[in-house]
N, C-alpha and C. Protein backbone atom coordinates (compact mmCIF):
# COMPACT_ATOMS: atom_id res chain seq x y z
N UNK A 1 52.63 -32.53 129.56
CA UNK A 1 53.11 -31.57 131.38
C UNK A 1 51.85 -31.70 132.36
N UNK A 2 52.80 -32.30 133.32
CA UNK A 2 51.36 -32.45 134.46
C UNK A 2 50.94 -31.46 135.41
N UNK A 3 49.75 -31.15 135.34
CA UNK A 3 49.51 -30.01 135.82
C UNK A 3 49.47 -29.84 137.21
N UNK A 4 49.86 -31.08 138.26
CA UNK A 4 51.06 -30.84 139.76
C UNK A 4 51.54 -29.95 139.29
N UNK A 5 52.77 -29.98 138.48
CA UNK A 5 54.11 -28.92 138.67
C UNK A 5 53.26 -27.59 138.60
N UNK A 6 52.61 -27.43 138.36
CA UNK A 6 52.04 -25.62 138.08
C UNK A 6 51.43 -25.78 139.50
N UNK A 7 50.78 -26.42 140.02
CA UNK A 7 50.31 -25.70 141.72
C UNK A 7 51.20 -26.44 142.54
N UNK A 8 52.20 -26.78 142.04
CA UNK A 8 53.82 -27.09 142.80
C UNK A 8 53.97 -25.36 143.00
N UNK A 9 54.34 -25.46 142.06
CA UNK A 9 54.90 -23.89 141.54
C UNK A 9 54.66 -22.96 142.51
N UNK A 10 52.84 -22.68 142.10
CA UNK A 10 52.11 -21.86 142.84
C UNK A 10 52.32 -21.90 144.61
N UNK A 11 52.35 -23.63 144.94
CA UNK A 11 52.88 -23.02 146.13
C UNK A 11 54.09 -22.38 146.59
N UNK A 12 55.43 -22.70 146.30
CA UNK A 12 56.21 -22.24 146.08
C UNK A 12 57.70 -23.28 146.26
N UNK A 13 57.65 -24.08 145.64
CA UNK A 13 58.20 -25.38 145.55
C UNK A 13 59.69 -24.69 144.29
N UNK A 14 60.51 -24.52 144.65
CA UNK A 14 61.44 -23.08 143.56
C UNK A 14 61.51 -24.28 142.65
N UNK A 15 62.24 -25.40 142.83
CA UNK A 15 62.24 -26.63 141.82
C UNK A 15 61.01 -26.44 140.45
N UNK A 16 60.21 -26.75 141.33
CA UNK A 16 58.97 -26.66 140.39
C UNK A 16 58.53 -25.73 139.19
N UNK A 17 59.20 -24.80 140.74
CA UNK A 17 59.03 -23.44 139.25
C UNK A 17 60.30 -22.76 138.64
N UNK A 18 61.17 -23.28 138.93
CA UNK A 18 62.73 -23.51 137.82
C UNK A 18 62.09 -24.18 136.42
N UNK A 19 61.62 -26.13 137.17
CA UNK A 19 61.27 -26.45 135.69
C UNK A 19 59.83 -26.00 134.42
N UNK A 20 59.00 -25.41 135.85
CA UNK A 20 57.72 -24.82 134.91
C UNK A 20 58.68 -23.97 133.85
N UNK A 21 59.34 -22.77 134.44
CA UNK A 21 59.96 -22.15 133.24
C UNK A 21 60.52 -22.79 132.19
N UNK A 22 61.47 -23.48 132.74
CA UNK A 22 62.11 -24.14 131.82
C UNK A 22 61.28 -24.67 130.76
N UNK A 23 60.16 -25.01 130.94
CA UNK A 23 59.58 -25.80 130.02
C UNK A 23 58.32 -25.12 128.60
N UNK A 24 59.14 -23.57 129.95
CA UNK A 24 57.79 -22.46 129.25
C UNK A 24 58.35 -21.44 128.44
N UNK A 25 59.43 -21.46 128.28
CA UNK A 25 60.61 -21.09 127.33
C UNK A 25 60.64 -20.54 126.09
N UNK A 26 60.66 -22.13 125.69
CA UNK A 26 60.45 -22.07 124.55
C UNK A 26 58.81 -21.60 123.72
N UNK A 27 57.95 -21.72 124.60
CA UNK A 27 56.54 -21.37 124.15
C UNK A 27 56.49 -19.70 124.20
N UNK A 28 57.04 -19.01 125.42
CA UNK A 28 57.22 -17.79 125.33
C UNK A 28 58.10 -17.26 124.12
N UNK A 29 58.78 -17.69 123.73
CA UNK A 29 59.58 -17.32 122.66
C UNK A 29 59.53 -16.93 121.42
N UNK A 30 58.51 -18.07 121.24
CA UNK A 30 57.60 -18.29 119.75
C UNK A 30 56.09 -17.26 120.19
N UNK A 31 56.25 -17.36 121.58
CA UNK A 31 54.52 -16.11 120.91
C UNK A 31 54.78 -15.09 121.03
N UNK A 32 56.17 -13.92 121.07
CA UNK A 32 56.64 -13.23 121.39
C UNK A 32 56.80 -12.97 120.14
N UNK A 33 57.80 -13.91 119.05
CA UNK A 33 57.50 -13.95 117.89
C UNK A 33 56.75 -14.16 116.66
N UNK A 34 55.75 -14.29 116.86
CA UNK A 34 54.86 -14.21 116.13
C UNK A 34 53.99 -12.99 116.90
N UNK A 35 53.48 -12.34 118.00
CA UNK A 35 53.47 -11.57 117.62
C UNK A 35 54.49 -9.98 117.25
N UNK A 36 55.35 -10.39 117.06
CA UNK A 36 56.31 -9.11 117.18
C UNK A 36 56.37 -8.97 115.56
N UNK A 37 55.76 -9.85 115.24
CA UNK A 37 56.20 -10.06 113.04
C UNK A 37 57.32 -9.88 112.67
N UNK A 38 57.08 -9.58 111.33
CA UNK A 38 58.24 -9.43 110.64
C UNK A 38 58.46 -7.23 110.67
N UNK A 39 56.93 -7.04 111.00
CA UNK A 39 57.65 -5.39 110.86
C UNK A 39 58.39 -5.06 112.61
N UNK A 40 58.49 -5.50 113.57
CA UNK A 40 59.27 -5.11 114.71
C UNK A 40 60.01 -6.34 115.55
N UNK A 41 60.64 -7.47 114.17
CA UNK A 41 61.64 -8.26 114.71
C UNK A 41 62.65 -7.80 114.32
N UNK A 42 62.96 -7.19 114.03
CA UNK A 42 64.24 -6.45 113.29
C UNK A 42 64.33 -5.25 114.80
N UNK A 43 63.54 -4.96 115.52
CA UNK A 43 64.18 -4.06 115.87
C UNK A 43 63.83 -4.20 117.70
N UNK A 44 63.17 -5.32 117.75
CA UNK A 44 63.03 -5.93 119.40
C UNK A 44 63.27 -7.10 118.84
N UNK A 45 64.41 -7.63 119.94
CA UNK A 45 64.85 -9.27 120.40
C UNK A 45 63.52 -10.13 120.61
N UNK A 46 63.03 -11.29 120.26
CA UNK A 46 62.26 -11.91 120.91
C UNK A 46 62.99 -12.64 122.11
N UNK A 47 63.79 -13.21 122.34
CA UNK A 47 64.23 -13.12 123.48
C UNK A 47 64.37 -12.60 124.67
N UNK A 48 64.87 -11.68 124.77
CA UNK A 48 64.64 -10.05 125.80
C UNK A 48 63.11 -10.15 125.64
N UNK A 49 61.97 -10.08 125.51
CA UNK A 49 60.70 -9.46 125.62
C UNK A 49 60.35 -11.24 126.41
N UNK A 50 60.66 -12.88 125.76
CA UNK A 50 60.51 -13.70 126.65
C UNK A 50 60.97 -13.48 127.59
N UNK A 51 62.54 -12.90 127.80
CA UNK A 51 62.66 -12.95 129.67
C UNK A 51 62.16 -12.18 130.49
N UNK A 52 61.31 -11.24 129.87
CA UNK A 52 60.00 -10.25 130.79
C UNK A 52 59.16 -11.07 131.15
N UNK A 53 58.82 -11.77 130.26
CA UNK A 53 57.48 -12.11 129.93
C UNK A 53 57.52 -13.46 131.52
N UNK A 54 59.16 -13.89 131.42
CA UNK A 54 59.20 -15.09 132.09
C UNK A 54 58.84 -14.81 133.86
N UNK A 55 60.23 -13.48 133.62
CA UNK A 55 60.34 -13.27 134.70
C UNK A 55 58.80 -12.27 135.75
N UNK A 56 57.88 -12.04 134.77
CA UNK A 56 56.39 -11.57 135.25
C UNK A 56 55.65 -12.74 135.55
N UNK A 57 55.66 -13.86 134.65
CA UNK A 57 55.03 -15.44 134.97
C UNK A 57 55.49 -15.93 136.47
N UNK A 58 57.10 -15.85 137.05
CA UNK A 58 57.04 -16.52 138.18
C UNK A 58 56.82 -15.24 139.07
N UNK A 59 56.65 -14.32 139.65
CA UNK A 59 56.45 -13.20 139.84
C UNK A 59 54.74 -13.13 140.07
N UNK A 60 54.30 -13.45 138.99
CA UNK A 60 52.57 -13.09 139.21
C UNK A 60 52.11 -14.95 139.29
N UNK A 61 53.05 -15.99 139.27
CA UNK A 61 52.16 -17.02 139.17
C UNK A 61 51.37 -17.61 140.21
N UNK A 62 51.50 -17.03 141.82
CA UNK A 62 50.48 -17.69 142.89
C UNK A 62 49.04 -16.72 142.48
N UNK A 63 49.01 -15.73 141.83
CA UNK A 63 47.78 -14.73 141.57
C UNK A 63 47.28 -15.91 139.97
N UNK A 64 47.66 -16.45 139.19
CA UNK A 64 47.58 -16.89 138.24
C UNK A 64 45.88 -18.05 138.25
N UNK A 65 45.04 -17.73 138.11
CA UNK A 65 43.51 -18.75 138.17
C UNK A 65 44.04 -20.19 137.40
N UNK A 66 45.07 -20.63 136.51
CA UNK A 66 44.67 -21.31 135.48
C UNK A 66 44.96 -22.85 136.62
N UNK A 67 44.86 -23.99 136.55
CA UNK A 67 44.92 -24.90 137.39
C UNK A 67 45.05 -26.62 136.06
N UNK A 68 45.32 -26.35 135.12
CA UNK A 68 45.64 -27.12 134.04
C UNK A 68 46.57 -26.69 132.91
N UNK A 69 47.07 -26.86 132.22
CA UNK A 69 48.21 -27.08 131.46
C UNK A 69 48.05 -25.91 130.31
N UNK A 70 47.01 -26.08 130.22
CA UNK A 70 46.21 -25.43 128.54
C UNK A 70 45.78 -24.13 129.34
N UNK A 71 45.42 -24.27 130.51
CA UNK A 71 45.11 -22.30 130.50
C UNK A 71 46.29 -21.78 131.15
N UNK A 72 47.22 -22.33 131.67
CA UNK A 72 48.39 -22.05 131.92
C UNK A 72 48.68 -21.09 130.66
N UNK A 73 48.91 -22.27 129.78
CA UNK A 73 49.69 -21.28 128.75
C UNK A 73 49.10 -20.40 127.79
N UNK A 74 47.67 -20.34 128.33
CA UNK A 74 46.77 -19.07 128.22
C UNK A 74 46.88 -18.24 128.57
N UNK A 75 47.58 -18.37 130.02
CA UNK A 75 48.02 -17.00 130.60
C UNK A 75 49.33 -16.09 130.33
N UNK A 76 50.23 -17.49 130.18
CA UNK A 76 51.34 -16.85 129.53
C UNK A 76 51.41 -16.09 128.35
N UNK A 77 50.84 -16.94 127.47
CA UNK A 77 50.19 -16.63 125.79
C UNK A 77 49.58 -15.25 126.20
N UNK A 78 48.97 -14.42 127.30
CA UNK A 78 48.24 -12.48 127.30
C UNK A 78 49.50 -12.21 127.68
N UNK A 79 49.94 -12.55 129.07
CA UNK A 79 51.39 -11.85 129.45
C UNK A 79 52.63 -11.50 128.37
N UNK A 80 52.41 -12.43 127.15
CA UNK A 80 53.45 -12.39 126.75
C UNK A 80 53.00 -11.31 125.78
N UNK A 81 52.15 -11.03 125.45
CA UNK A 81 51.37 -10.26 124.10
C UNK A 81 51.52 -8.68 124.96
N UNK A 82 50.54 -8.97 125.91
CA UNK A 82 50.88 -7.41 126.74
C UNK A 82 52.26 -7.17 126.47
N UNK A 83 53.16 -7.88 126.88
CA UNK A 83 54.62 -7.41 126.99
C UNK A 83 55.10 -6.48 125.70
N UNK A 84 54.73 -7.50 124.80
CA UNK A 84 55.25 -7.00 123.23
C UNK A 84 54.38 -6.06 122.75
N UNK A 85 53.39 -5.68 123.05
CA UNK A 85 52.90 -4.47 123.13
C UNK A 85 53.45 -3.72 123.68
N UNK A 86 53.91 -3.55 125.18
CA UNK A 86 54.12 -2.43 125.65
C UNK A 86 55.58 -1.95 125.13
N UNK A 87 56.76 -3.15 124.68
CA UNK A 87 57.92 -2.64 123.93
C UNK A 87 57.33 -1.73 122.55
N UNK A 88 56.41 -2.19 122.10
CA UNK A 88 56.03 -1.75 120.65
C UNK A 88 56.02 -0.35 120.76
N UNK A 89 55.05 -0.43 121.91
CA UNK A 89 54.54 1.19 122.15
C UNK A 89 55.66 2.22 122.81
N UNK A 90 56.98 1.58 123.20
CA UNK A 90 57.90 2.57 123.89
C UNK A 90 58.72 2.78 122.20
N UNK A 91 59.24 1.82 121.54
CA UNK A 91 59.39 2.25 120.02
C UNK A 91 58.43 3.66 119.12
N UNK A 92 57.35 3.30 119.23
CA UNK A 92 56.68 3.97 119.25
C UNK A 92 56.31 5.41 119.38
N UNK A 93 56.22 5.47 120.95
CA UNK A 93 56.73 6.66 121.49
C UNK A 93 57.68 7.42 121.73
N UNK A 94 59.40 6.55 121.24
CA UNK A 94 60.23 7.12 120.93
C UNK A 94 60.46 8.04 119.59
N UNK A 95 59.96 6.89 118.69
CA UNK A 95 59.94 7.24 117.34
C UNK A 95 58.93 9.18 117.19
N UNK A 96 57.63 9.05 117.75
CA UNK A 96 57.41 10.24 118.23
C UNK A 96 58.11 11.47 118.59
N UNK A 97 58.59 11.23 120.06
CA UNK A 97 60.16 12.52 120.18
C UNK A 97 60.70 12.45 119.43
N UNK A 98 61.23 11.11 118.93
CA UNK A 98 62.07 12.05 117.38
C UNK A 98 61.59 12.56 116.87
N UNK A 99 60.83 12.00 116.16
CA UNK A 99 59.76 13.69 115.09
C UNK A 99 59.92 14.66 115.78
N UNK A 100 59.27 14.63 117.06
CA UNK A 100 59.09 16.90 117.13
C UNK A 100 60.60 16.84 117.35
N UNK A 101 61.57 16.32 117.99
CA UNK A 101 63.16 17.22 118.58
C UNK A 101 63.37 16.65 116.63
N UNK A 102 63.19 16.16 115.60
CA UNK A 102 64.10 16.29 114.50
C UNK A 102 63.42 17.23 114.10
N UNK A 103 62.16 17.39 113.55
CA UNK A 103 62.28 18.12 112.53
C UNK A 103 62.42 20.13 113.34
N UNK A 104 62.57 20.47 114.49
CA UNK A 104 63.19 21.18 115.41
C UNK A 104 64.77 21.56 115.03
N UNK A 105 65.33 20.06 115.08
CA UNK A 105 66.74 20.48 115.12
C UNK A 105 67.59 20.02 113.78
N UNK A 106 66.45 19.76 112.78
CA UNK A 106 67.08 19.62 111.35
C UNK A 106 67.07 21.13 110.89
N UNK A 107 66.41 22.17 111.29
CA UNK A 107 66.46 24.36 111.04
C UNK A 107 67.31 24.11 111.79
N UNK A 108 67.99 23.47 112.66
CA UNK A 108 69.27 24.46 113.38
C UNK A 108 70.59 23.53 113.31
N UNK A 109 70.89 22.55 112.20
CA UNK A 109 71.64 21.57 112.34
C UNK A 109 72.74 22.37 111.37
N UNK A 110 73.99 22.28 111.87
CA UNK A 110 75.06 22.55 110.49
C UNK A 110 76.36 21.65 111.60
N UNK A 111 76.89 21.67 110.78
CA UNK A 111 78.38 20.46 110.99
C UNK A 111 79.16 21.48 110.42
N UNK A 112 80.59 21.71 110.74
CA UNK A 112 81.31 22.54 110.13
C UNK A 112 82.39 21.47 109.25
N UNK A 113 82.45 20.20 109.16
CA UNK A 113 82.75 19.53 107.93
C UNK A 113 81.97 20.28 106.72
N UNK A 114 80.13 20.19 106.89
CA UNK A 114 79.57 20.01 105.71
C UNK A 114 79.20 21.20 105.24
N UNK A 115 78.67 22.01 106.27
CA UNK A 115 78.27 23.25 106.52
C UNK A 115 78.91 24.23 105.67
N UNK A 116 78.53 25.26 104.87
CA UNK A 116 79.71 26.04 103.96
C UNK A 116 79.53 27.74 105.39
N UNK A 117 80.07 28.22 105.29
CA UNK A 117 80.31 29.58 106.35
C UNK A 117 78.89 30.51 106.42
N UNK A 118 78.43 30.28 105.34
CA UNK A 118 76.69 30.75 104.93
C UNK A 118 76.02 30.41 105.68
N UNK A 119 76.05 28.92 105.43
CA UNK A 119 75.34 28.33 106.07
C UNK A 119 75.35 27.69 107.74
N UNK A 120 76.33 28.14 108.23
CA UNK A 120 76.38 28.15 109.80
C UNK A 120 76.67 30.15 110.22
N UNK A 121 76.57 30.82 109.46
CA UNK A 121 75.98 31.93 109.94
C UNK A 121 74.63 32.11 110.27
N UNK A 122 73.49 31.30 109.04
CA UNK A 122 72.35 31.55 108.99
C UNK A 122 71.71 30.64 110.63
N UNK A 123 72.25 29.51 110.62
CA UNK A 123 71.91 28.43 111.64
C UNK A 123 72.31 29.76 113.02
N UNK A 124 73.42 29.83 112.95
CA UNK A 124 73.60 31.23 114.05
C UNK A 124 72.86 32.22 114.45
N UNK A 125 72.63 32.71 113.23
CA UNK A 125 71.25 34.10 113.49
C UNK A 125 70.11 33.73 113.99
N UNK A 126 69.13 32.27 113.26
CA UNK A 126 68.62 31.30 114.17
C UNK A 126 68.27 31.39 115.16
N UNK A 127 69.33 30.45 115.93
CA UNK A 127 69.44 30.02 117.22
C UNK A 127 69.36 31.85 117.77
N UNK A 128 70.17 32.63 117.71
CA UNK A 128 70.12 33.96 118.26
C UNK A 128 68.67 33.78 118.72
N UNK A 129 67.66 34.38 117.57
CA UNK A 129 66.85 34.75 117.62
C UNK A 129 66.12 33.70 117.98
N UNK A 130 65.87 32.23 118.61
CA UNK A 130 65.30 31.41 119.25
C UNK A 130 66.25 32.02 120.56
N UNK A 131 66.95 31.93 121.31
CA UNK A 131 67.28 32.59 121.85
C UNK A 131 66.84 33.70 122.62
N UNK A 132 66.33 34.92 122.01
CA UNK A 132 66.30 36.13 122.12
C UNK A 132 64.80 35.99 122.36
N UNK A 133 63.84 35.31 121.85
CA UNK A 133 62.22 34.85 122.03
C UNK A 133 62.74 34.13 123.77
N UNK A 134 63.20 33.36 123.46
CA UNK A 134 63.12 32.12 125.12
C UNK A 134 63.59 33.90 126.30
N UNK A 135 64.38 34.35 125.96
CA UNK A 135 64.69 35.14 127.02
C UNK A 135 63.92 36.04 127.63
N UNK A 136 62.59 36.90 126.59
CA UNK A 136 61.29 37.37 126.45
C UNK A 136 60.07 36.64 126.99
N UNK A 137 60.40 35.60 127.15
CA UNK A 137 58.47 35.44 127.58
C UNK A 137 59.26 35.23 128.76
N UNK A 138 57.34 34.91 128.99
CA UNK A 138 57.24 35.56 130.68
C UNK A 138 57.56 34.22 131.82
N UNK A 139 57.75 34.11 132.43
CA UNK A 139 57.47 32.59 133.64
C UNK A 139 55.95 31.58 133.26
N UNK A 140 55.25 32.80 133.88
CA UNK A 140 53.72 32.47 133.29
C UNK A 140 54.02 31.51 131.69
N UNK A 141 54.02 32.12 130.67
CA UNK A 141 54.16 31.53 129.79
C UNK A 141 55.36 30.04 129.27
N UNK A 142 56.36 30.02 130.51
CA UNK A 142 56.92 29.26 129.94
C UNK A 142 56.42 27.78 130.13
N UNK A 143 55.47 28.35 131.79
CA UNK A 143 54.71 26.86 132.56
C UNK A 143 53.79 25.91 131.80
N UNK A 144 53.28 27.31 130.88
CA UNK A 144 52.38 26.92 129.89
C UNK A 144 52.72 26.16 128.93
N UNK A 145 54.03 26.49 127.97
CA UNK A 145 54.75 25.37 127.38
C UNK A 145 54.77 24.59 127.54
N UNK A 146 55.69 24.46 128.81
CA UNK A 146 56.00 23.30 129.09
C UNK A 146 55.08 22.18 129.49
N UNK A 147 54.06 22.63 129.97
CA UNK A 147 52.84 21.74 130.41
C UNK A 147 52.38 21.36 128.85
N UNK A 148 52.40 21.83 128.58
CA UNK A 148 51.42 21.54 126.84
C UNK A 148 52.42 20.74 126.09
N UNK A 149 53.77 20.53 126.05
CA UNK A 149 54.85 20.10 125.85
C UNK A 149 54.79 19.02 125.98
N UNK A 150 54.54 18.70 127.76
CA UNK A 150 54.66 17.12 128.22
C UNK A 150 53.09 16.50 128.33
N UNK A 151 52.16 17.25 127.21
CA UNK A 151 50.93 16.50 127.19
C UNK A 151 49.64 17.11 127.61
N UNK A 152 50.00 17.73 128.19
CA UNK A 152 48.88 18.18 129.27
C UNK A 152 47.56 18.68 128.04
N UNK A 153 46.88 18.98 128.70
CA UNK A 153 45.63 19.51 127.89
C UNK A 153 45.70 20.95 128.16
N UNK A 154 44.72 21.61 127.62
CA UNK A 154 44.44 22.99 128.27
C UNK A 154 43.73 22.77 129.24
N UNK A 155 42.48 22.07 129.55
CA UNK A 155 41.76 21.76 130.83
C UNK A 155 42.64 21.94 132.04
N UNK A 156 44.20 21.28 131.75
CA UNK A 156 44.32 20.39 132.96
C UNK A 156 45.84 21.54 133.49
N UNK A 157 46.24 22.02 132.37
CA UNK A 157 46.80 23.80 132.76
C UNK A 157 46.50 24.53 132.93
N UNK A 158 45.32 24.33 132.65
CA UNK A 158 44.37 25.57 133.67
C UNK A 158 43.84 25.15 135.01
N UNK A 159 43.62 23.70 135.61
CA UNK A 159 43.54 24.06 136.70
C UNK A 159 44.79 23.73 137.53
N UNK A 160 45.86 23.28 137.08
CA UNK A 160 47.74 23.72 137.49
C UNK A 160 47.81 24.39 138.04
N UNK A 161 47.57 24.99 136.52
CA UNK A 161 48.41 26.96 137.34
C UNK A 161 47.11 28.08 138.05
N UNK A 162 46.08 27.28 137.69
CA UNK A 162 44.75 28.53 138.36
C UNK A 162 44.13 29.55 137.20
N UNK A 163 44.97 29.02 136.37
CA UNK A 163 44.07 29.87 135.23
C UNK A 163 42.80 29.81 134.24
N UNK A 164 42.14 30.53 133.10
CA UNK A 164 41.46 29.88 132.76
C UNK A 164 41.45 29.44 131.39
N UNK A 165 40.61 28.59 131.19
CA UNK A 165 41.21 27.61 129.66
C UNK A 165 41.11 28.49 128.68
N UNK A 166 40.75 29.77 128.33
CA UNK A 166 41.33 30.72 127.37
C UNK A 166 42.20 31.62 127.87
N UNK A 167 42.19 31.85 129.27
CA UNK A 167 43.81 32.54 129.39
C UNK A 167 45.13 31.27 128.89
N UNK A 168 44.78 29.71 128.97
CA UNK A 168 46.02 29.02 128.28
C UNK A 168 45.97 28.93 127.05
N UNK A 169 44.96 29.35 125.99
CA UNK A 169 44.37 29.51 124.88
C UNK A 169 45.13 31.09 124.11
N UNK A 170 45.52 32.07 125.51
CA UNK A 170 45.47 33.31 124.92
C UNK A 170 46.71 32.90 125.05
N UNK A 171 47.87 32.80 126.36
CA UNK A 171 49.28 32.67 125.88
C UNK A 171 49.66 31.59 124.31
N UNK A 172 49.00 30.47 124.51
CA UNK A 172 49.79 29.85 123.84
C UNK A 172 49.63 30.34 122.32
N UNK A 173 48.46 31.40 121.74
CA UNK A 173 48.17 32.01 120.79
C UNK A 173 49.34 33.16 120.59
N UNK A 174 50.14 33.80 121.63
CA UNK A 174 50.43 34.73 121.78
C UNK A 174 51.91 34.64 121.91
N UNK A 175 52.20 33.56 122.00
CA UNK A 175 53.07 32.38 121.73
C UNK A 175 54.08 32.11 120.51
N UNK A 176 52.34 31.72 119.81
CA UNK A 176 52.64 31.30 118.40
C UNK A 176 53.03 32.67 117.42
N UNK A 177 52.32 33.30 117.97
CA UNK A 177 52.27 34.87 117.36
C UNK A 177 54.49 35.28 117.43
N UNK A 178 54.36 35.20 118.73
CA UNK A 178 56.20 35.88 118.42
C UNK A 178 56.95 35.24 117.89
N UNK A 179 56.86 33.49 118.14
CA UNK A 179 57.10 32.71 117.30
C UNK A 179 57.59 33.26 116.11
N UNK A 180 56.38 33.33 115.23
CA UNK A 180 55.97 33.65 113.80
C UNK A 180 56.78 34.88 113.27
N UNK A 181 56.84 35.78 114.18
CA UNK A 181 57.19 37.13 113.78
C UNK A 181 58.95 36.52 113.91
N UNK A 182 59.60 36.17 114.96
CA UNK A 182 60.50 35.71 114.36
C UNK A 182 61.10 34.91 113.36
N UNK A 183 59.69 34.67 112.73
CA UNK A 183 60.33 33.28 111.51
C UNK A 183 60.76 31.98 112.35
N UNK A 184 60.68 31.48 113.76
CA UNK A 184 60.57 30.71 113.96
C UNK A 184 59.61 29.05 113.93
N UNK A 185 58.59 29.51 113.40
CA UNK A 185 57.61 28.23 112.96
C UNK A 185 57.08 28.61 111.75
């Protein structure tokens, strides 16, 4: 590959950029596939991630410090690695979110096709307890629990709501006690 095509593409030559991206596509797919490995290759399409890589290459080429082909490929490899890691992080975040909701929803899940009338009645009773607990908590408690569910620390919640950190701990403790009393936790 000629180093002149890189400098020409950096200067804004659309034909050179198109040629550069065409020649880079196969390399991007192979790097993405290598970073995905066997664990994530079934869940993430390497061609989709390589398209993300090529878009970022086209967008950021003017800022690329590489002047030769080897340096350019190293830069593309770095973009590919970061793109793969971002896609894996999305999968892990979705899994963590699903794990949190699944554990709660398993408790209240009943299908009229598979559940017996007794199971349906138990689920309805538990749901009524949850709704009663939710109706009985104050707006301050709802705010603290909502911020906690978003991943904020107790210090951040205290700063946002203008209360002390021990106040946050007290709200959470009272909420947990009420939930335990209702046999929900």
